[in-house]
Amino acid sequence: MAHSPFGTNAAHPDNDGKARFFPGLGFNEEDWKPLADPLRKSAENHSVSKIMASSHGTQYILDGRIETPGGRTLLARAIWIVDVGLDMPCLVTA
């Protein structure tokens, strides 16, 4: 199951402002593909900066550039996980 990088619950302690940050750059939660595609491309084109084991699986932290709908390029950190027993990465947060 894919996790939303938007962090839609602004009151959640792990939100870290994502509920306002991504929409402020022109991304829209209802149409999440314009954010998912750059995050996926970033993962394909940038090296993993850190690997962490957890009880759920292996987490991979990547820092890379993504382009916003308005044409700005920014550095974004994304955390992906490969859950135990699976081989497909899933976005945890950005």
N, C-alpha and C. Protein backbone atom coordinates (compact mmCIF):
# COMPACT_ATOMS: atom_id res chain seq x y z
N MET A 1 0.84 -1.18 0.00
CA MET A 1 0.00 0.00 0.00
C MET A 1 0.88 1.24 0.00
N ALA A 2 0.58 2.19 -0.85
CA ALA A 2 1.37 3.42 -0.94
C ALA A 2 0.98 4.36 0.18
N HIS A 3 1.96 5.06 0.70
CA HIS A 3 1.73 6.06 1.73
C HIS A 3 1.76 7.43 1.07
N SER A 4 0.93 8.32 1.55
CA SER A 4 0.91 9.67 0.99
C SER A 4 2.08 10.48 1.50
N PRO A 5 2.85 11.08 0.60
CA PRO A 5 3.94 11.96 1.05
C PRO A 5 3.42 13.28 1.58
N PHE A 6 2.12 13.52 1.43
CA PHE A 6 1.56 14.79 1.83
C PHE A 6 1.42 14.93 3.34
N GLY A 7 1.31 13.82 4.06
CA GLY A 7 1.11 13.93 5.50
C GLY A 7 -0.16 14.72 5.78
N THR A 8 -1.29 14.23 5.32
CA THR A 8 -2.52 15.01 5.28
C THR A 8 -3.04 15.44 6.64
N ASN A 9 -2.68 14.78 7.69
CA ASN A 9 -3.15 15.16 9.01
C ASN A 9 -2.18 16.17 9.62
N ALA A 10 -2.50 17.44 9.49
CA ALA A 10 -1.60 18.50 9.97
C ALA A 10 -1.36 18.42 11.47
N ALA A 11 -2.27 17.81 12.22
CA ALA A 11 -2.13 17.71 13.67
C ALA A 11 -1.29 16.51 14.10
N HIS A 12 -1.00 15.60 13.18
CA HIS A 12 -0.24 14.41 13.54
C HIS A 12 1.19 14.80 13.91
N PRO A 13 1.76 14.23 14.98
CA PRO A 13 3.11 14.62 15.42
C PRO A 13 4.21 14.32 14.41
N ASP A 14 4.00 13.39 13.49
CA ASP A 14 5.01 13.06 12.49
C ASP A 14 4.83 13.83 11.19
N ASN A 15 3.89 14.75 11.14
CA ASN A 15 3.58 15.47 9.91
C ASN A 15 4.70 16.39 9.47
N ASP A 16 5.37 17.06 10.40
CA ASP A 16 6.49 17.95 10.09
C ASP A 16 6.16 19.01 9.05
N GLY A 17 4.91 19.43 8.95
CA GLY A 17 4.53 20.50 8.04
C GLY A 17 4.28 20.08 6.61
N LYS A 18 4.32 18.78 6.30
CA LYS A 18 4.14 18.33 4.92
C LYS A 18 2.75 18.67 4.39
N ALA A 19 1.74 18.70 5.27
CA ALA A 19 0.38 18.98 4.83
C ALA A 19 0.28 20.37 4.22
N ARG A 20 1.16 21.27 4.57
CA ARG A 20 1.19 22.62 3.98
C ARG A 20 2.33 22.77 2.98
N PHE A 21 3.43 22.08 3.19
CA PHE A 21 4.62 22.25 2.38
C PHE A 21 4.40 21.89 0.91
N PHE A 22 3.97 20.66 0.64
CA PHE A 22 3.83 20.22 -0.74
C PHE A 22 2.75 21.00 -1.50
N PRO A 23 1.58 21.24 -0.92
CA PRO A 23 0.60 22.07 -1.64
C PRO A 23 1.14 23.49 -1.90
N GLY A 24 1.96 24.00 -1.01
CA GLY A 24 2.54 25.32 -1.21
C GLY A 24 3.48 25.38 -2.40
N LEU A 25 3.97 24.22 -2.85
CA LEU A 25 4.84 24.14 -4.02
C LEU A 25 4.06 23.82 -5.30
N GLY A 26 2.74 23.70 -5.16
CA GLY A 26 1.90 23.44 -6.33
C GLY A 26 1.46 22.00 -6.49
N PHE A 27 1.86 21.13 -5.57
CA PHE A 27 1.41 19.75 -5.63
C PHE A 27 0.02 19.66 -5.01
N ASN A 28 -0.76 18.67 -5.45
CA ASN A 28 -2.15 18.55 -5.04
C ASN A 28 -2.40 17.11 -4.60
N GLU A 29 -2.90 16.94 -3.40
CA GLU A 29 -3.11 15.58 -2.88
C GLU A 29 -4.12 14.79 -3.69
N GLU A 30 -5.12 15.45 -4.22
CA GLU A 30 -6.13 14.74 -5.01
C GLU A 30 -5.52 14.19 -6.31
N ASP A 31 -4.51 14.88 -6.84
CA ASP A 31 -3.79 14.43 -8.03
C ASP A 31 -2.34 14.23 -7.62
N TRP A 32 -2.05 13.09 -6.98
CA TRP A 32 -0.76 12.84 -6.36
C TRP A 32 0.34 12.42 -7.34
N LYS A 33 -0.01 12.05 -8.57
CA LYS A 33 1.01 11.58 -9.51
C LYS A 33 2.08 12.63 -9.83
N PRO A 34 1.74 13.93 -9.94
CA PRO A 34 2.81 14.91 -10.20
C PRO A 34 3.86 14.97 -9.09
N LEU A 35 3.57 14.46 -7.90
CA LEU A 35 4.57 14.36 -6.84
C LEU A 35 5.20 12.97 -6.84
N ALA A 36 4.41 11.95 -7.07
CA ALA A 36 4.94 10.58 -7.04
C ALA A 36 5.96 10.36 -8.15
N ASP A 37 5.69 10.88 -9.33
CA ASP A 37 6.61 10.66 -10.45
C ASP A 37 8.00 11.27 -10.20
N PRO A 38 8.12 12.54 -9.75
CA PRO A 38 9.45 13.07 -9.47
C PRO A 38 10.16 12.34 -8.33
N LEU A 39 9.41 11.90 -7.32
CA LEU A 39 10.03 11.16 -6.22
C LEU A 39 10.56 9.82 -6.72
N ARG A 40 9.81 9.17 -7.58
CA ARG A 40 10.25 7.89 -8.15
C ARG A 40 11.49 8.10 -9.03
N LYS A 41 11.48 9.14 -9.86
CA LYS A 41 12.64 9.43 -10.72
C LYS A 41 13.86 9.77 -9.87
N SER A 42 13.64 10.50 -8.79
CA SER A 42 14.75 10.84 -7.89
C SER A 42 15.36 9.57 -7.31
N ALA A 43 14.50 8.62 -6.93
CA ALA A 43 15.00 7.35 -6.38
C ALA A 43 15.79 6.56 -7.42
N GLU A 44 15.37 6.66 -8.67
CA GLU A 44 16.07 5.95 -9.74
C GLU A 44 17.42 6.58 -10.08
N ASN A 45 17.53 7.90 -9.87
CA ASN A 45 18.71 8.64 -10.34
C ASN A 45 19.69 9.07 -9.25
N HIS A 46 19.37 8.83 -7.99
CA HIS A 46 20.25 9.26 -6.91
C HIS A 46 20.61 8.07 -6.03
N SER A 47 21.76 8.13 -5.44
CA SER A 47 22.24 7.06 -4.58
C SER A 47 21.56 7.10 -3.22
N VAL A 48 21.44 5.95 -2.62
CA VAL A 48 20.92 5.85 -1.26
C VAL A 48 21.95 6.46 -0.32
N SER A 49 21.49 7.36 0.56
CA SER A 49 22.41 7.99 1.50
C SER A 49 22.50 7.23 2.83
N LYS A 50 21.46 6.45 3.13
CA LYS A 50 21.47 5.71 4.39
C LYS A 50 20.50 4.53 4.28
N ILE A 51 20.87 3.40 4.88
CA ILE A 51 20.02 2.22 4.95
C ILE A 51 19.81 1.90 6.41
N MET A 52 18.55 1.67 6.78
CA MET A 52 18.23 1.35 8.17
C MET A 52 17.32 0.13 8.22
N ALA A 53 17.64 -0.80 9.10
CA ALA A 53 16.79 -1.97 9.31
C ALA A 53 15.75 -1.63 10.36
N SER A 54 14.54 -2.11 10.14
CA SER A 54 13.48 -1.94 11.14
C SER A 54 12.73 -3.26 11.24
N SER A 55 11.83 -3.35 12.19
CA SER A 55 11.05 -4.58 12.36
C SER A 55 10.11 -4.80 11.18
N HIS A 56 9.84 -3.73 10.41
CA HIS A 56 8.93 -3.83 9.26
C HIS A 56 9.65 -4.19 7.97
N GLY A 57 10.97 -3.89 7.91
CA GLY A 57 11.73 -4.14 6.70
C GLY A 57 12.97 -3.27 6.66
N THR A 58 13.46 -3.03 5.45
CA THR A 58 14.66 -2.21 5.27
C THR A 58 14.26 -0.86 4.68
N GLN A 59 14.67 0.21 5.36
CA GLN A 59 14.37 1.56 4.91
C GLN A 59 15.57 2.14 4.18
N TYR A 60 15.28 2.87 3.11
CA TYR A 60 16.30 3.51 2.29
C TYR A 60 16.03 5.01 2.26
N ILE A 61 17.02 5.80 2.62
CA ILE A 61 16.89 7.25 2.61
C ILE A 61 17.63 7.78 1.38
N LEU A 62 16.92 8.58 0.58
CA LEU A 62 17.50 9.15 -0.63
C LEU A 62 17.29 10.65 -0.63
N ASP A 63 18.32 11.38 -1.00
CA ASP A 63 18.24 12.82 -1.19
C ASP A 63 18.45 13.09 -2.67
N GLY A 64 17.50 13.77 -3.27
CA GLY A 64 17.63 14.06 -4.69
C GLY A 64 16.78 15.25 -5.09
N ARG A 65 16.97 15.69 -6.29
CA ARG A 65 16.25 16.85 -6.81
C ARG A 65 14.95 16.41 -7.47
N ILE A 66 13.90 17.18 -7.22
CA ILE A 66 12.61 16.98 -7.88
C ILE A 66 12.16 18.32 -8.45
N GLU A 67 11.36 18.24 -9.49
CA GLU A 67 10.82 19.46 -10.10
C GLU A 67 9.37 19.63 -9.65
N THR A 68 9.03 20.87 -9.30
CA THR A 68 7.67 21.19 -8.87
C THR A 68 6.80 21.49 -10.09
N PRO A 69 5.48 21.47 -9.94
CA PRO A 69 4.60 21.82 -11.06
C PRO A 69 4.88 23.22 -11.63
N GLY A 70 5.40 24.12 -10.80
CA GLY A 70 5.72 25.47 -11.26
C GLY A 70 7.08 25.58 -11.92
N GLY A 71 7.81 24.46 -12.04
CA GLY A 71 9.10 24.46 -12.71
C GLY A 71 10.30 24.68 -11.81
N ARG A 72 10.08 24.86 -10.51
CA ARG A 72 11.20 24.98 -9.58
C ARG A 72 11.82 23.61 -9.34
N THR A 73 13.12 23.59 -9.11
CA THR A 73 13.81 22.36 -8.74
C THR A 73 14.25 22.49 -7.30
N LEU A 74 13.96 21.46 -6.51
CA LEU A 74 14.35 21.51 -5.11
C LEU A 74 14.90 20.18 -4.66
N LEU A 75 15.64 20.22 -3.57
CA LEU A 75 16.20 19.01 -2.98
C LEU A 75 15.16 18.42 -2.03
N ALA A 76 14.88 17.15 -2.22
CA ALA A 76 13.88 16.47 -1.38
C ALA A 76 14.47 15.19 -0.83
N ARG A 77 14.13 14.89 0.39
CA ARG A 77 14.51 13.61 1.01
C ARG A 77 13.28 12.72 0.99
N ALA A 78 13.48 11.50 0.54
CA ALA A 78 12.40 10.52 0.54
C ALA A 78 12.89 9.27 1.27
N ILE A 79 11.98 8.67 2.00
CA ILE A 79 12.29 7.42 2.69
C ILE A 79 11.39 6.34 2.11
N TRP A 80 12.03 5.31 1.62
CA TRP A 80 11.35 4.17 1.03
C TRP A 80 11.59 2.96 1.92
N ILE A 81 10.68 1.99 1.89
CA ILE A 81 10.85 0.76 2.64
C ILE A 81 10.56 -0.43 1.75
N VAL A 82 11.34 -1.48 1.94
CA VAL A 82 11.02 -2.78 1.37
C VAL A 82 10.59 -3.63 2.56
N ASP A 83 9.30 -3.88 2.65
CA ASP A 83 8.76 -4.62 3.79
C ASP A 83 9.28 -6.05 3.81
N VAL A 84 9.37 -6.60 5.01
CA VAL A 84 9.79 -7.98 5.20
C VAL A 84 8.93 -8.89 4.33
N GLY A 85 9.58 -9.76 3.57
CA GLY A 85 8.86 -10.70 2.73
C GLY A 85 8.47 -10.16 1.37
N LEU A 86 8.74 -8.90 1.10
CA LEU A 86 8.41 -8.30 -0.18
C LEU A 86 9.68 -7.84 -0.88
N ASP A 87 9.58 -7.55 -2.16
CA ASP A 87 10.75 -7.05 -2.88
C ASP A 87 10.50 -5.71 -3.58
N MET A 88 9.31 -5.13 -3.39
CA MET A 88 8.95 -3.87 -4.03
C MET A 88 9.03 -2.75 -3.00
N PRO A 89 9.78 -1.67 -3.29
CA PRO A 89 9.83 -0.56 -2.34
C PRO A 89 8.52 0.20 -2.31
N CYS A 90 8.24 0.77 -1.16
CA CYS A 90 7.04 1.56 -0.93
C CYS A 90 7.47 2.88 -0.30
N LEU A 91 6.93 3.98 -0.76
CA LEU A 91 7.24 5.28 -0.20
C LEU A 91 6.68 5.39 1.21
N VAL A 92 7.53 5.77 2.15
CA VAL A 92 7.10 5.98 3.53
C VAL A 92 6.76 7.46 3.74
N THR A 93 7.69 8.32 3.37
CA THR A 93 7.49 9.76 3.56
C THR A 93 8.48 10.53 2.70
N ALA A 94 8.21 11.80 2.53
CA ALA A 94 9.12 12.68 1.81
C ALA A 94 9.19 14.00 2.53
